[in-house]
């Protein structure tokens, strides 16, 4: 797999990683502070999440 592509997770992959629904990812990810990236335009645009940023966000959620 191309390195640049493997740096990103699809909405479905990210939802599975967080154990939430795809709908939650579309509705709540930005509110939760999870950065989204849009590739393409219009109806064919794809939303992706940068793997390193997803992992950083997870570490920030740690409770003491």
Protein backbone atom coordinates (compact mmCIF):
# COMPACT_ATOMS: atom_id res chain seq x y z
CA UNK A 1 0.00 0.00 0.00
CA UNK A 2 1.19 3.51 -0.78
CA UNK A 3 2.71 5.15 2.33
CA UNK A 4 0.63 8.34 1.93
CA UNK A 5 -2.59 6.32 1.73
CA UNK A 6 -1.69 4.17 4.73
CA UNK A 7 -1.23 7.35 6.80
CA UNK A 8 -5.02 7.80 6.69
CA UNK A 9 -7.99 5.80 7.93
CA UNK A 10 -11.43 5.75 6.33
CA UNK A 11 -14.48 6.81 8.31
CA UNK A 12 -15.48 3.15 8.67
CA UNK A 13 -12.01 2.10 9.86
CA UNK A 14 -11.90 4.94 12.37
CA UNK A 15 -15.39 4.12 13.66
CA UNK A 16 -14.37 0.50 14.14
CA UNK A 17 -11.20 1.61 15.96
CA UNK A 18 -13.27 3.77 18.35
CA UNK A 19 -16.10 1.21 18.56
CA UNK A 20 -18.68 3.81 17.50
CA UNK A 21 -21.02 4.05 14.54
CA UNK A 22 -20.10 5.61 11.21
CA UNK A 23 -22.96 8.07 11.80
CA UNK A 24 -21.29 9.15 15.07
CA UNK A 25 -18.05 9.79 13.20
CA UNK A 26 -19.77 12.06 10.68
CA UNK A 27 -21.86 13.83 13.32
CA UNK A 28 -19.53 14.11 16.33
CA UNK A 29 -15.89 13.72 15.29
CA UNK A 30 -15.29 17.41 14.61
CA UNK A 31 -17.06 18.40 17.86
CA UNK A 32 -14.82 15.96 19.73
CA UNK A 33 -11.72 17.57 18.21
CA UNK A 34 -10.83 14.78 15.79
CA UNK A 35 -9.40 16.39 12.65
CA UNK A 36 -10.95 15.34 9.34
CA UNK A 37 -9.47 15.54 5.86
CA UNK A 38 -11.53 15.77 2.69
CA UNK A 39 -10.20 14.28 -0.54
CA UNK A 40 -12.04 15.15 -3.73
CA UNK A 41 -15.09 17.28 -4.39
CA UNK A 42 -18.83 16.89 -4.39
CA UNK A 43 -20.56 13.57 -3.87
CA UNK A 44 -17.37 11.63 -4.62
CA UNK A 45 -15.39 13.34 -1.85
CA UNK A 46 -13.94 11.04 0.78
CA UNK A 47 -13.43 11.92 4.43
CA UNK A 48 -10.31 10.47 6.03
CA UNK A 49 -8.64 10.68 9.43
CA UNK A 50 -4.86 10.86 9.78
CA UNK A 51 -3.75 7.79 11.75
CA UNK A 52 -1.12 9.63 13.81
CA UNK A 53 -3.66 12.32 14.78
CA UNK A 54 -6.27 9.71 15.75
CA UNK A 55 -3.70 8.02 17.99
CA UNK A 56 -2.67 11.37 19.50
CA UNK A 57 -6.34 12.20 20.20
CA UNK A 58 -6.77 8.83 21.93
CA UNK A 59 -3.76 9.52 24.18
CA UNK A 60 -5.27 12.90 25.13
CA UNK A 61 -8.42 11.16 26.37
CA UNK A 62 -6.51 9.35 29.12
CA UNK A 63 -7.96 9.82 32.57
CA UNK A 64 -5.74 10.15 35.62
